Amino acid sequence: AVNPNFVPRNWVLDEIIRRVEKDGERDVLRRAMHMALHPFEDAWHGETVEGTVYEGDQEEEARWVGDVPKLERAMQCSCSS
Protein backbone atom coordinates (compact mmCIF):
# COMPACT_ATOMS: atom_id res chain seq x y z
CA ALA A 1 0.00 0.00 0.00
CA VAL A 2 1.10 3.55 -0.68
CA ASN A 3 0.71 6.28 1.92
CA PRO A 4 -0.17 9.86 0.95
CA ASN A 5 2.65 12.40 1.06
CA PHE A 6 0.30 15.20 2.15
CA VAL A 7 -2.17 14.83 5.00
CA PRO A 8 -3.93 18.06 6.05
CA ARG A 9 -3.24 17.85 9.77
CA ASN A 10 -4.84 20.11 12.40
CA TRP A 11 -1.83 22.43 12.64
CA VAL A 12 -1.81 22.90 8.84
CA LEU A 13 -5.54 23.66 8.79
CA ASP A 14 -5.17 26.08 11.73
CA GLU A 15 -2.43 27.91 9.82
CA ILE A 16 -4.57 28.10 6.69
CA ILE A 17 -7.57 29.43 8.63
CA ARG A 18 -5.42 32.04 10.37
CA ARG A 19 -3.83 33.18 7.11
CA VAL A 20 -7.22 33.54 5.41
CA GLU A 21 -9.06 35.20 8.31
CA LYS A 22 -6.35 37.50 9.66
CA ASP A 23 -4.15 38.13 6.64
CA GLY A 24 -6.78 37.86 3.88
CA GLU A 25 -4.51 35.42 2.05
CA ARG A 26 -6.97 33.44 -0.05
CA ASP A 27 -4.42 31.92 -2.44
CA VAL A 28 -3.31 29.56 0.32
CA LEU A 29 -6.70 27.83 0.00
CA ARG A 30 -6.02 27.03 -3.66
CA ARG A 31 -2.59 25.60 -2.84
CA ALA A 32 -3.88 23.49 0.06
CA MET A 33 -6.80 22.19 -2.01
CA HIS A 34 -4.48 21.23 -4.85
CA MET A 35 -2.24 19.29 -2.46
CA ALA A 36 -5.26 17.63 -0.80
CA LEU A 37 -6.65 16.55 -4.18
CA HIS A 38 -3.26 15.11 -5.23
CA PRO A 39 -1.88 13.75 -1.92
CA PHE A 40 0.36 11.05 -3.42
CA GLU A 41 2.59 13.42 -5.42
CA ASP A 42 6.23 13.78 -4.39
CA ALA A 43 6.14 17.49 -5.21
CA TRP A 44 3.47 19.88 -6.44
CA HIS A 45 5.18 23.10 -7.56
CA GLY A 46 5.85 23.10 -11.29
CA GLU A 47 3.91 19.87 -11.96
CA THR A 48 1.48 19.74 -14.87
CA VAL A 49 -2.04 18.68 -13.88
CA GLU A 50 -4.74 18.38 -16.53
CA GLY A 51 -2.69 20.47 -18.95
CA THR A 52 -2.02 23.30 -16.49
CA VAL A 53 1.29 23.92 -14.75
CA TYR A 54 0.66 24.28 -11.02
CA GLU A 55 2.48 27.18 -9.38
CA GLY A 56 2.77 26.45 -5.69
CA ASP A 57 5.04 27.50 -2.86
CA GLN A 58 7.94 25.05 -2.45
CA GLU A 59 8.85 26.15 1.10
CA GLU A 60 5.23 25.91 2.22
CA GLU A 61 4.85 22.45 0.65
CA ALA A 62 8.03 21.18 2.32
CA ARG A 63 6.88 22.49 5.71
CA TRP A 64 3.39 20.99 5.38
CA VAL A 65 4.69 17.50 4.49
CA GLY A 66 7.63 17.61 6.91
CA ASP A 67 7.79 16.95 10.61
CA VAL A 68 5.23 18.58 12.87
CA PRO A 69 6.68 21.80 14.37
CA LYS A 70 7.65 21.42 18.05
CA LEU A 71 5.10 23.98 19.21
CA GLU A 72 2.28 22.09 17.48
CA ARG A 73 3.16 18.57 18.67
CA ALA A 74 1.22 18.72 21.92
CA MET A 75 -1.80 20.53 20.49
CA GLN A 76 -5.07 19.19 21.84
CA CYS A 77 -8.49 19.92 20.43
CA SER A 78 -11.70 19.83 22.39
CA CYS A 79 -15.32 19.72 21.41
CA SER A 80 -17.60 22.39 22.80
CA SER A 81 -21.03 21.03 22.13
PDB file of N, CA and C in Angstrom:
ATOM      1  N   ALA A   1       0.843  -1.190   0.000  1.00  0.00           N
ATOM      2  CA  ALA A   1       0.000   0.000   0.000  1.00  0.00           C
ATOM      3  C   ALA A   1       0.881   1.244   0.000  1.00  0.00           C
ATOM      4  N   VAL A   2       0.370   2.284  -0.591  1.00  0.00           N
ATOM      5  CA  VAL A   2       1.098   3.546  -0.682  1.00  0.00           C
ATOM      6  C   VAL A   2       0.426   4.563   0.241  1.00  0.00           C
ATOM      7  N   ASN A   3       1.238   5.258   1.018  1.00  0.00           N
ATOM      8  CA  ASN A   3       0.710   6.282   1.917  1.00  0.00           C
ATOM      9  C   ASN A   3       0.762   7.651   1.238  1.00  0.00           C
ATOM     10  N   PRO A   4      -0.193   8.518   1.544  1.00  0.00           N
ATOM     11  CA  PRO A   4      -0.168   9.856   0.952  1.00  0.00           C
ATOM     12  C   PRO A   4       1.017  10.659   1.484  1.00  0.00           C
ATOM     13  N   ASN A   5       1.556  11.516   0.656  1.00  0.00           N
ATOM     14  CA  ASN A   5       2.649  12.396   1.059  1.00  0.00           C
ATOM     15  C   ASN A   5       2.110  13.605   1.816  1.00  0.00           C
ATOM     16  N   PHE A   6       0.908  14.046   1.476  1.00  0.00           N
ATOM     17  CA  PHE A   6       0.302  15.196   2.150  1.00  0.00           C
ATOM     18  C   PHE A   6      -0.956  14.767   2.878  1.00  0.00           C
ATOM     19  N   VAL A   7      -0.991  15.053   4.178  1.00  0.00           N
ATOM     20  CA  VAL A   7      -2.174  14.825   5.000  1.00  0.00           C
ATOM     21  C   VAL A   7      -2.473  16.157   5.684  1.00  0.00           C
ATOM     22  N   PRO A   8      -3.637  16.756   5.432  1.00  0.00           N
ATOM     23  CA  PRO A   8      -3.930  18.058   6.046  1.00  0.00           C
ATOM     24  C   PRO A   8      -4.200  17.916   7.548  1.00  0.00           C
ATOM     25  N   ARG A   9      -3.147  18.006   8.317  1.00  0.00           N
ATOM     26  CA  ARG A   9      -3.241  17.852   9.774  1.00  0.00           C
ATOM     27  C   ARG A   9      -3.820  19.115  10.414  1.00  0.00           C
ATOM     28  N   ASN A  10      -4.211  18.984  11.692  1.00  0.00           N
ATOM     29  CA  ASN A  10      -4.836  20.108  12.399  1.00  0.00           C
ATOM     30  C   ASN A  10      -3.985  21.369  12.364  1.00  0.00           C
ATOM     31  N   TRP A  11      -2.678  21.238  12.594  1.00  0.00           N
ATOM     32  CA  TRP A  11      -1.832  22.434  12.639  1.00  0.00           C
ATOM     33  C   TRP A  11      -1.754  23.112  11.274  1.00  0.00           C
ATOM     34  N   VAL A  12      -1.823  22.327  10.194  1.00  0.00           N
ATOM     35  CA  VAL A  12      -1.812  22.902   8.845  1.00  0.00           C
ATOM     36  C   VAL A  12      -3.127  23.648   8.611  1.00  0.00           C
ATOM     37  N   LEU A  13      -4.233  23.020   8.973  1.00  0.00           N
ATOM     38  CA  LEU A  13      -5.542  23.656   8.785  1.00  0.00           C
ATOM     39  C   LEU A  13      -5.672  24.914   9.637  1.00  0.00           C
ATOM     40  N   ASP A  14      -5.152  24.882  10.877  1.00  0.00           N
ATOM     41  CA  ASP A  14      -5.174  26.078  11.726  1.00  0.00           C
ATOM     42  C   ASP A  14      -4.387  27.218  11.083  1.00  0.00           C
ATOM     43  N   GLU A  15      -3.247  26.888  10.504  1.00  0.00           N
ATOM     44  CA  GLU A  15      -2.434  27.907   9.824  1.00  0.00           C
ATOM     45  C   GLU A  15      -3.192  28.498   8.641  1.00  0.00           C
ATOM     46  N   ILE A  16      -3.828  27.635   7.857  1.00  0.00           N
ATOM     47  CA  ILE A  16      -4.572  28.101   6.686  1.00  0.00           C
ATOM     48  C   ILE A  16      -5.715  29.015   7.115  1.00  0.00           C
ATOM     49  N   ILE A  17      -6.457  28.614   8.131  1.00  0.00           N
ATOM     50  CA  ILE A  17      -7.574  29.427   8.629  1.00  0.00           C
ATOM     51  C   ILE A  17      -7.069  30.783   9.106  1.00  0.00           C
ATOM     52  N   ARG A  18      -5.982  30.791   9.866  1.00  0.00           N
ATOM     53  CA  ARG A  18      -5.419  32.044  10.367  1.00  0.00           C
ATOM     54  C   ARG A  18      -4.993  32.954   9.217  1.00  0.00           C
ATOM     55  N   ARG A  19      -4.328  32.381   8.235  1.00  0.00           N
ATOM     56  CA  ARG A  19      -3.833  33.183   7.115  1.00  0.00           C
ATOM     57  C   ARG A  19      -4.974  33.772   6.291  1.00  0.00           C
ATOM     58  N   VAL A  20      -6.073  33.036   6.164  1.00  0.00           N
ATOM     59  CA  VAL A  20      -7.220  33.544   5.407  1.00  0.00           C
ATOM     60  C   VAL A  20      -7.968  34.598   6.221  1.00  0.00           C
ATOM     61  N   GLU A  21      -8.258  34.285   7.494  1.00  0.00           N
ATOM     62  CA  GLU A  21      -9.059  35.195   8.310  1.00  0.00           C
ATOM     63  C   GLU A  21      -8.312  36.466   8.692  1.00  0.00           C
ATOM     64  N   LYS A  22      -7.072  36.335   9.137  1.00  0.00           N
ATOM     65  CA  LYS A  22      -6.349  37.496   9.658  1.00  0.00           C
ATOM     66  C   LYS A  22      -5.561  38.241   8.598  1.00  0.00           C
ATOM     67  N   ASP A  23      -5.012  37.506   7.641  1.00  0.00           N
ATOM     68  CA  ASP A  23      -4.154  38.135   6.644  1.00  0.00           C
ATOM     69  C   ASP A  23      -4.845  38.317   5.295  1.00  0.00           C
ATOM     70  N   GLY A  24      -6.051  37.752   5.145  1.00  0.00           N
ATOM     71  CA  GLY A  24      -6.776  37.860   3.881  1.00  0.00           C
ATOM     72  C   GLY A  24      -6.100  37.131   2.734  1.00  0.00           C
ATOM     73  N   GLU A  25      -5.284  36.146   3.058  1.00  0.00           N
ATOM     74  CA  GLU A  25      -4.510  35.417   2.051  1.00  0.00           C
ATOM     75  C   GLU A  25      -5.325  34.243   1.516  1.00  0.00           C
ATOM     76  N   ARG A  26      -6.088  34.471   0.488  1.00  0.00           N
ATOM     77  CA  ARG A  26      -6.971  33.441  -0.050  1.00  0.00           C
ATOM     78  C   ARG A  26      -6.258  32.442  -0.959  1.00  0.00           C
ATOM     79  N   ASP A  27      -5.136  32.811  -1.526  1.00  0.00           N
ATOM     80  CA  ASP A  27      -4.424  31.922  -2.444  1.00  0.00           C
ATOM     81  C   ASP A  27      -3.938  30.656  -1.744  1.00  0.00           C
ATOM     82  N   VAL A  28      -3.749  30.737  -0.427  1.00  0.00           N
ATOM     83  CA  VAL A  28      -3.310  29.562   0.322  1.00  0.00           C
ATOM     84  C   VAL A  28      -4.368  28.457   0.256  1.00  0.00           C
ATOM     85  N   LEU A  29      -5.628  28.820   0.123  1.00  0.00           N
ATOM     86  CA  LEU A  29      -6.699  27.826  -0.004  1.00  0.00           C
ATOM     87  C   LEU A  29      -6.544  27.020  -1.292  1.00  0.00           C
ATOM     88  N   ARG A  30      -6.212  27.708  -2.379  1.00  0.00           N
ATOM     89  CA  ARG A  30      -6.019  27.030  -3.663  1.00  0.00           C
ATOM     90  C   ARG A  30      -4.854  26.047  -3.573  1.00  0.00           C
ATOM     91  N   ARG A  31      -3.768  26.477  -2.948  1.00  0.00           N
ATOM     92  CA  ARG A  31      -2.593  25.605  -2.838  1.00  0.00           C
ATOM     93  C   ARG A  31      -2.892  24.391  -1.965  1.00  0.00           C
ATOM     94  N   ALA A  32      -3.557  24.601  -0.836  1.00  0.00           N
ATOM     95  CA  ALA A  32      -3.883  23.486   0.058  1.00  0.00           C
ATOM     96  C   ALA A  32      -4.863  22.520  -0.608  1.00  0.00           C
ATOM     97  N   MET A  33      -5.832  23.042  -1.329  1.00  0.00           N
ATOM     98  CA  MET A  33      -6.804  22.192  -2.014  1.00  0.00           C
ATOM     99  C   MET A  33      -6.120  21.359  -3.086  1.00  0.00           C
ATOM    100  N   HIS A  34      -5.206  21.970  -3.817  1.00  0.00           N
ATOM    101  CA  HIS A  34      -4.481  21.234  -4.854  1.00  0.00           C
ATOM    102  C   HIS A  34      -3.698  20.079  -4.227  1.00  0.00           C
ATOM    103  N   MET A  35      -3.019  20.345  -3.125  1.00  0.00           N
ATOM    104  CA  MET A  35      -2.242  19.291  -2.461  1.00  0.00           C
ATOM    105  C   MET A  35      -3.163  18.202  -1.908  1.00  0.00           C
ATOM    106  N   ALA A  36      -4.315  18.602  -1.358  1.00  0.00           N
ATOM    107  CA  ALA A  36      -5.255  17.627  -0.797  1.00  0.00           C
ATOM    108  C   ALA A  36      -5.876  16.753  -1.888  1.00  0.00           C
ATOM    109  N   LEU A  37      -6.070  17.314  -3.076  1.00  0.00           N
ATOM    110  CA  LEU A  37      -6.646  16.547  -4.181  1.00  0.00           C
ATOM    111  C   LEU A  37      -5.628  15.647  -4.870  1.00  0.00           C
ATOM    112  N   HIS A  38      -4.342  15.903  -4.642  1.00  0.00           N
ATOM    113  CA  HIS A  38      -3.259  15.108  -5.230  1.00  0.00           C
ATOM    114  C   HIS A  38      -2.267  14.722  -4.132  1.00  0.00           C
ATOM    115  N   PRO A  39      -2.723  13.994  -3.100  1.00  0.00           N
ATOM    116  CA  PRO A  39      -1.880  13.752  -1.918  1.00  0.00           C
ATOM    117  C   PRO A  39      -0.705  12.807  -2.136  1.00  0.00           C
ATOM    118  N   PHE A  40      -0.692  12.045  -3.210  1.00  0.00           N
ATOM    119  CA  PHE A  40       0.359  11.050  -3.418  1.00  0.00           C
ATOM    120  C   PHE A  40       1.540  11.575  -4.230  1.00  0.00           C
ATOM    121  N   GLU A  41       1.487  12.833  -4.653  1.00  0.00           N
ATOM    122  CA  GLU A  41       2.590  13.416  -5.420  1.00  0.00           C
ATOM    123  C   GLU A  41       3.819  13.565  -4.528  1.00  0.00           C
ATOM    124  N   ASP A  42       4.997  13.527  -5.136  1.00  0.00           N
ATOM    125  CA  ASP A  42       6.233  13.777  -4.393  1.00  0.00           C
ATOM    126  C   ASP A  42       6.485  15.273  -4.256  1.00  0.00           C
ATOM    127  N   ALA A  43       6.017  16.038  -5.224  1.00  0.00           N
ATOM    128  CA  ALA A  43       6.136  17.494  -5.210  1.00  0.00           C
ATOM    129  C   ALA A  43       4.976  18.054  -6.019  1.00  0.00           C
ATOM    130  N   TRP A  44       4.613  19.294  -5.755  1.00  0.00           N
ATOM    131  CA  TRP A  44       3.467  19.883  -6.439  1.00  0.00           C
ATOM    132  C   TRP A  44       3.863  21.067  -7.301  1.00  0.00           C
ATOM    133  N   HIS A  45       4.771  21.897  -6.831  1.00  0.00           N
ATOM    134  CA  HIS A  45       5.177  23.102  -7.560  1.00  0.00           C
ATOM    135  C   HIS A  45       5.800  22.722  -8.895  1.00  0.00           C
ATOM    136  N   GLY A  46       5.304  23.331  -9.962  1.00  0.00           N
ATOM    137  CA  GLY A  46       5.854  23.097 -11.289  1.00  0.00           C
ATOM    138  C   GLY A  46       5.324  21.865 -11.998  1.00  0.00           C
ATOM    139  N   GLU A  47       4.489  21.070 -11.343  1.00  0.00           N
ATOM    140  CA  GLU A  47       3.914  19.874 -11.959  1.00  0.00           C
ATOM    141  C   GLU A  47       2.751  20.262 -12.875  1.00  0.00           C
ATOM    142  N   THR A  48       2.583  19.509 -13.943  1.00  0.00           N
ATOM    143  CA  THR A  48       1.476  19.743 -14.865  1.00  0.00           C
ATOM    144  C   THR A  48       0.318  18.828 -14.492  1.00  0.00           C
ATOM    145  N   VAL A  49      -0.838  19.427 -14.233  1.00  0.00           N
ATOM    146  CA  VAL A  49      -2.042  18.681 -13.878  1.00  0.00           C
ATOM    147  C   VAL A  49      -3.139  19.102 -14.840  1.00  0.00           C
ATOM    148  N   GLU A  50      -3.667  18.130 -15.566  1.00  0.00           N
ATOM    149  CA  GLU A  50      -4.738  18.378 -16.526  1.00  0.00           C
ATOM    150  C   GLU A  50      -4.375  19.509 -17.491  1.00  0.00           C
ATOM    151  N   GLY A  51      -3.142  19.501 -17.963  1.00  0.00           N
ATOM    152  CA  GLY A  51      -2.694  20.471 -18.951  1.00  0.00           C
ATOM    153  C   GLY A  51      -2.295  21.828 -18.409  1.00  0.00           C
ATOM    154  N   THR A  52      -2.374  22.020 -17.100  1.00  0.00           N
ATOM    155  CA  THR A  52      -2.024  23.298 -16.495  1.00  0.00           C
ATOM    156  C   THR A  52      -0.846  23.108 -15.549  1.00  0.00           C
ATOM    157  N   VAL A  53       0.142  23.986 -15.655  1.00  0.00           N
ATOM    158  CA  VAL A  53       1.291  23.921 -14.748  1.00  0.00           C
ATOM    159  C   VAL A  53       0.895  24.563 -13.429  1.00  0.00           C
ATOM    160  N   TYR A  54       1.025  23.794 -12.352  1.00  0.00           N
ATOM    161  CA  TYR A  54       0.661  24.279 -11.022  1.00  0.00           C
ATOM    162  C   TYR A  54       1.803  25.100 -10.443  1.00  0.00           C
ATOM    163  N   GLU A  55       1.494  26.311 -10.025  1.00  0.00           N
ATOM    164  CA  GLU A  55       2.485  27.179  -9.385  1.00  0.00           C
ATOM    165  C   GLU A  55       2.188  27.215  -7.894  1.00  0.00           C
ATOM    166  N   GLY A  56       2.963  26.494  -7.131  1.00  0.00           N
ATOM    167  CA  GLY A  56       2.766  26.453  -5.689  1.00  0.00           C
ATOM    168  C   GLY A  56       3.859  27.206  -4.960  1.00  0.00           C
ATOM    169  N   ASP A  57       4.031  26.888  -3.708  1.00  0.00           N
ATOM    170  CA  ASP A  57       5.043  27.500  -2.857  1.00  0.00           C
ATOM    171  C   ASP A  57       5.887  26.361  -2.300  1.00  0.00           C
ATOM    172  N   GLN A  58       7.103  26.201  -2.809  1.00  0.00           N
ATOM    173  CA  GLN A  58       7.936  25.050  -2.446  1.00  0.00           C
ATOM    174  C   GLN A  58       8.251  25.003  -0.956  1.00  0.00           C
ATOM    175  N   GLU A  59       8.545  26.135  -0.332  1.00  0.00           N
ATOM    176  CA  GLU A  59       8.851  26.154   1.104  1.00  0.00           C
ATOM    177  C   GLU A  59       7.632  25.740   1.918  1.00  0.00           C
ATOM    178  N   GLU A  60       6.476  26.243   1.534  1.00  0.00           N
ATOM    179  CA  GLU A  60       5.231  25.906   2.216  1.00  0.00           C
ATOM    180  C   GLU A  60       4.937  24.409   2.086  1.00  0.00           C
ATOM    181  N   GLU A  61       5.084  23.877   0.881  1.00  0.00           N
ATOM    182  CA  GLU A  61       4.847  22.451   0.648  1.00  0.00           C
ATOM    183  C   GLU A  61       5.779  21.599   1.502  1.00  0.00           C
ATOM    184  N   ALA A  62       7.057  21.947   1.536  1.00  0.00           N
ATOM    185  CA  ALA A  62       8.030  21.183   2.321  1.00  0.00           C
ATOM    186  C   ALA A  62       7.681  21.222   3.804  1.00  0.00           C
ATOM    187  N   ARG A  63       7.249  22.364   4.296  1.00  0.00           N
ATOM    188  CA  ARG A  63       6.878  22.486   5.710  1.00  0.00           C
ATOM    189  C   ARG A  63       5.636  21.660   6.021  1.00  0.00           C
ATOM    190  N   TRP A  64       4.644  21.700   5.135  1.00  0.00           N
ATOM    191  CA  TRP A  64       3.392  20.986   5.377  1.00  0.00           C
ATOM    192  C   TRP A  64       3.547  19.473   5.320  1.00  0.00           C
ATOM    193  N   VAL A  65       4.503  18.959   4.559  1.00  0.00           N
ATOM    194  CA  VAL A  65       4.692  17.502   4.485  1.00  0.00           C
ATOM    195  C   VAL A  65       5.814  17.028   5.401  1.00  0.00           C
ATOM    196  N   GLY A  66       6.527  17.961   6.024  1.00  0.00           N
ATOM    197  CA  GLY A  66       7.634  17.609   6.906  1.00  0.00           C
ATOM    198  C   GLY A  66       7.150  17.253   8.304  1.00  0.00           C
ATOM    199  N   ASP A  67       8.097  17.252   9.218  1.00  0.00           N
ATOM    200  CA  ASP A  67       7.786  16.950  10.615  1.00  0.00           C
ATOM    201  C   ASP A  67       6.902  18.039  11.211  1.00  0.00           C
ATOM    202  N   VAL A  68       6.090  17.636  12.174  1.00  0.00           N
ATOM    203  CA  VAL A  68       5.225  18.583  12.874  1.00  0.00           C
ATOM    204  C   VAL A  68       6.116  19.536  13.673  1.00  0.00           C
ATOM    205  N   PRO A  69       5.887  20.851  13.576  1.00  0.00           N
ATOM    206  CA  PRO A  69       6.683  21.798  14.366  1.00  0.00           C
ATOM    207  C   PRO A  69       6.560  21.505  15.863  1.00  0.00           C
ATOM    208  N   LYS A  70       7.629  21.744  16.611  1.00  0.00           N
ATOM    209  CA  LYS A  70       7.651  21.425  18.045  1.00  0.00           C
ATOM    210  C   LYS A  70       6.497  22.061  18.806  1.00  0.00           C
ATOM    211  N   LEU A  71       6.170  23.302  18.495  1.00  0.00           N
ATOM    212  CA  LEU A  71       5.097  23.983  19.214  1.00  0.00           C
ATOM    213  C   LEU A  71       3.724  23.383  18.943  1.00  0.00           C
ATOM    214  N   GLU A  72       3.575  22.660  17.851  1.00  0.00           N
ATOM    215  CA  GLU A  72       2.280  22.087  17.479  1.00  0.00           C
ATOM    216  C   GLU A  72       2.136  20.623  17.891  1.00  0.00           C
ATOM    217  N   ARG A  73       3.191  20.006  18.368  1.00  0.00           N
ATOM    218  CA  ARG A  73       3.160  18.567  18.667  1.00  0.00           C
ATOM    219  C   ARG A  73       2.207  18.200  19.791  1.00  0.00           C
ATOM    220  N   ALA A  74       2.066  19.047  20.770  1.00  0.00           N
ATOM    221  CA  ALA A  74       1.221  18.723  21.922  1.00  0.00           C
ATOM    222  C   ALA A  74      -0.151  19.382  21.825  1.00  0.00           C
ATOM    223  N   MET A  75      -0.518  19.856  20.652  1.00  0.00           N
ATOM    224  CA  MET A  75      -1.799  20.531  20.486  1.00  0.00           C
ATOM    225  C   MET A  75      -2.949  19.562  20.744  1.00  0.00           C
ATOM    226  N   GLN A  76      -3.893  20.001  21.549  1.00  0.00           N
ATOM    227  CA  GLN A  76      -5.070  19.190  21.837  1.00  0.00           C
ATOM    228  C   GLN A  76      -6.310  19.974  21.450  1.00  0.00           C
ATOM    229  N   CYS A  77      -7.222  19.302  20.816  1.00  0.00           N
ATOM    230  CA  CYS A  77      -8.486  19.923  20.427  1.00  0.00           C
ATOM    231  C   CYS A  77      -9.583  19.426  21.354  1.00  0.00           C
ATOM    232  N   SER A  78     -10.568  20.256  21.569  1.00  0.00           N
ATOM    233  CA  SER A  78     -11.697  19.831  22.388  1.00  0.00           C
ATOM    234  C   SER A  78     -12.983  20.176  21.659  1.00  0.00           C
ATOM    235  N   CYS A  79     -14.019  19.489  22.022  1.00  0.00           N
ATOM    236  CA  CYS A  79     -15.318  19.719  21.411  1.00  0.00           C
ATOM    237  C   CYS A  79     -16.171  20.512  22.388  1.00  0.00           C
ATOM    238  N   SER A  80     -16.729  21.594  21.928  1.00  0.00           N
ATOM    239  CA  SER A  80     -17.599  22.392  22.799  1.00  0.00           C
ATOM    240  C   SER A  80     -19.021  22.300  22.266  1.00  0.00           C
ATOM    241  N   SER A  81     -19.670  21.221  22.626  1.00  0.00           N
ATOM    242  CA  SER A  81     -21.032  21.026  22.125  1.00  0.00           C
ATOM    243  C   SER A  81     -22.060  21.307  23.186  1.00  0.00           C
TER     244      SER A  81
END
